[in-house]
Amino acid sequence: MFVGMTLVCVVLGWVGYQLNWIRQRRQATIYPMGVGGVQAPGALWIFGEEGVSELHVGPAYYERTRALFPEAKIHSFAPEESGEVN
């Protein structure tokens, strides 16, 4: 009984971790350049998540995006100047 409950808890914890990763990926502010053609990392494909081949993000989000999308090539861009003259 103890082994069975432990196994169930481990499986449910793993599923929760994967679903949380998917939620974070979908909440990230990203500009995908290529969706598909790349397998989603880990076991995310089991839950229907598609891989992303390329992303464009601001420099402040580079590290977080790298952690959420390890399969993608990340392009960091500098924010454009407003062009206003003081």
Foldseek 3Di string as FASTA:
>chain_A
DVVVVVVVVVVVVVVVVLVVLVVVLVPDDKDAPAWAPWQFPDCNVVVVDTATAEIEDAPVCVVVVCVSHVNYDYHHDHDDDPPDDD
